[in-house]
C-alpha atoms as a PDB file:
ATOM      1  CA  MET A   1      24.398-110.416 147.745  1.00  0.00           C
ATOM      2  CA  ASN A   2      21.477-110.179 150.078  1.00  0.00           C
ATOM      3  CA  GLU A   3      19.360-112.542 152.208  1.00  0.00           C
ATOM      4  CA  TYR A   4      16.299-112.251 150.072  1.00  0.00           C
ATOM      5  CA  ASP A   5      18.199-113.429 146.941  1.00  0.00           C
ATOM      6  CA  THR A   6      19.794-116.233 148.866  1.00  0.00           C
ATOM      7  CA  VAL A   7      16.379-117.369 150.031  1.00  0.00           C
ATOM      8  CA  MET A   8      14.846-117.041 146.582  1.00  0.00           C
ATOM      9  CA  HIS A   9      17.674-119.101 145.042  1.00  0.00           C
ATOM     10  CA  CYS A  10      17.267-121.829 147.547  1.00  0.00           C
ATOM     11  CA  ARG A  11      13.525-122.021 146.652  1.00  0.00           C
ATOM     12  CA  GLU A  12      14.425-121.957 142.957  1.00  0.00           C
ATOM     13  CA  LEU A  13      16.794-124.923 143.548  1.00  0.00           C
ATOM     14  CA  LEU A  14      14.056-126.874 145.127  1.00  0.00           C
ATOM     15  CA  ASN A  15      11.393-126.070 142.582  1.00  0.00           C
ATOM     16  CA  ASN A  16      13.490-126.401 139.413  1.00  0.00           C
ATOM     17  CA  GLN A  17      16.196-128.843 140.317  1.00  0.00           C
ATOM     18  CA  TYR A  18      14.615-130.795 143.217  1.00  0.00           C
ATOM     19  CA  ILE A  19      17.638-129.849 145.383  1.00  0.00           C
ATOM     20  CA  PHE A  20      16.601-129.168 149.065  1.00  0.00           C
ATOM     21  CA  ALA A  21      19.525-126.801 149.844  1.00  0.00           C
ATOM     22  CA  GLY A  22      20.406-124.694 152.667  1.00  0.00           C
ATOM     23  CA  GLY A  23      21.267-120.891 152.988  1.00  0.00           C
ATOM     24  CA  SER A  24      24.944-121.295 152.153  1.00  0.00           C
ATOM     25  CA  SER A  25      24.067-123.084 148.922  1.00  0.00           C
ATOM     26  CA  GLY A  26      21.626-120.403 147.994  1.00  0.00           C
ATOM     27  CA  SER A  27      24.380-117.867 148.460  1.00  0.00           C
ATOM     28  CA  VAL A  28      26.659-119.859 146.115  1.00  0.00           C
ATOM     29  CA  MET A  29      24.001-119.832 143.525  1.00  0.00           C
ATOM     30  CA  VAL A  30      23.525-116.054 143.843  1.00  0.00           C
ATOM     31  CA  ALA A  31      27.283-115.636 143.349  1.00  0.00           C
ATOM     32  CA  ILE A  32      27.356-117.895 140.285  1.00  0.00           C
ATOM     33  CA  THR A  33      24.300-116.325 138.648  1.00  0.00           C
ATOM     34  CA  SER A  34      25.692-112.861 139.367  1.00  0.00           C
ATOM     35  CA  CYS A  35      29.076-113.700 137.987  1.00  0.00           C
ATOM     36  CA  PHE A  36      27.666-114.952 134.782  1.00  0.00           C
ATOM     37  CA  ALA A  37      24.928-112.443 134.317  1.00  0.00           C
ATOM     38  CA  ASP A  38      24.979-110.430 131.084  1.00  0.00           C
ATOM     39  CA  GLN A  39      27.821-112.720 129.808  1.00  0.00           C
ATOM     40  CA  THR A  40      27.678-114.189 126.342  1.00  0.00           C
ATOM     41  CA  PHE A  41      29.693-117.392 125.624  1.00  0.00           C
ATOM     42  CA  SER A  42      30.096-119.215 122.287  1.00  0.00           C
ATOM     43  CA  ILE A  43      30.405-122.341 124.304  1.00  0.00           C
ATOM     44  CA  PRO A  44      28.552-122.485 127.683  1.00  0.00           C
ATOM     45  CA  PRO A  45      31.026-122.882 130.551  1.00  0.00           C
ATOM     46  CA  ALA A  46      30.943-125.837 132.841  1.00  0.00           C
ATOM     47  CA  VAL A  47      30.367-124.741 136.399  1.00  0.00           C
ATOM     48  CA  VAL A  48      30.574-126.965 139.432  1.00  0.00           C
ATOM     49  CA  ASP A  49      29.517-126.068 142.942  1.00  0.00           C
ATOM     50  CA  ILE A  50      29.265-128.006 146.093  1.00  0.00           C
ATOM     51  CA  PHE A  51      26.309-127.684 148.382  1.00  0.00           C
ATOM     52  CA  CYS A  52      27.702-128.646 151.784  1.00  0.00           C
ATOM     53  CA  ASP A  53      25.075-127.327 154.166  1.00  0.00           C
ATOM     54  CA  ARG A  54      22.254-129.350 155.811  1.00  0.00           C
ATOM     55  CA  VAL A  55      18.747-128.160 155.055  1.00  0.00           C
ATOM     56  CA  ASP A  56      17.052-129.460 158.196  1.00  0.00           C
ATOM     57  CA  ARG A  57      17.821-126.199 160.108  1.00  0.00           C
ATOM     58  CA  TYR A  58      16.092-124.128 157.294  1.00  0.00           C
ATOM     59  CA  VAL A  59      12.668-125.838 157.021  1.00  0.00           C
ATOM     60  CA  THR A  60      10.993-123.298 159.422  1.00  0.00           C
ATOM     61  CA  THR A  61      12.742-120.321 157.783  1.00  0.00           C
ATOM     62  CA  ILE A  62      13.717-120.386 154.112  1.00  0.00           C
ATOM     63  CA  TYR A  63      11.062-122.917 153.101  1.00  0.00           C
ATOM     64  CA  ASP A  64       8.312-121.486 155.270  1.00  0.00           C
ATOM     65  CA  ASP A  65       6.154-119.134 153.225  1.00  0.00           C
ATOM     66  CA  ARG A  66       4.860-117.298 156.308  1.00  0.00           C
ATOM     67  CA  TRP A  67       8.368-116.693 157.661  1.00  0.00           C
ATOM     68  CA  VAL A  68       9.529-115.326 154.265  1.00  0.00           C
ATOM     69  CA  GLU A  69       6.462-113.067 153.996  1.00  0.00           C
ATOM     70  CA  GLU A  70       7.142-111.713 157.530  1.00  0.00           C
ATOM     71  CA  VAL A  71      10.839-111.208 157.099  1.00  0.00           C
ATOM     72  CA  PHE A  72      10.757-109.818 153.622  1.00  0.00           C
ATOM     73  CA  GLU A  73       7.417-108.069 153.785  1.00  0.00           C
ATOM     74  CA  GLN A  74       8.986-104.643 152.901  1.00  0.00           C
ATOM     75  CA  HIS A  75      10.897-106.155 149.992  1.00  0.00           C
ATOM     76  CA  ILE A  76       7.862-107.911 148.638  1.00  0.00           C
ATOM     77  CA  SER A  77       5.619-104.973 149.044  1.00  0.00           C
ATOM     78  CA  SER A  78       8.055-102.728 147.093  1.00  0.00           C
ATOM     79  CA  GLY A  79       8.052-104.914 143.982  1.00  0.00           C
ATOM     80  CA  GLY A  80       9.845-108.075 145.087  1.00  0.00           C
ATOM     81  CA  ASP A  81       8.680-111.288 143.562  1.00  0.00           C
ATOM     82  CA  LYS A  82       5.989-112.622 145.915  1.00  0.00           C
ATOM     83  CA  HIS A  83       5.076-115.267 143.395  1.00  0.00           C
ATOM     84  CA  ALA A  84       8.555-116.792 143.990  1.00  0.00           C
ATOM     85  CA  LEU A  85       7.214-117.955 147.353  1.00  0.00           C
ATOM     86  CA  SER A  86       4.806-120.390 145.805  1.00  0.00           C
ATOM     87  CA  ARG A  87       7.121-121.720 142.978  1.00  0.00           C
END
């Protein structure tokens, strides 16, 4: 797992589930999605996670487009999903 994936999963949680989650929660989502990637289930599994971090300390980092672009500039310029910033 890497920091970029963590940040993008946090932003995905906010944009798709309206969950304003912190970095640890984003990392949990990376682990869950990685664990179930390429898996096929006849019955979808029930997965529970607990988001236990406070988001207030991430407003100026994870949720700041300018910060993300600066920190992950190389990743974005080499094919990372820049559009994920605005989702």
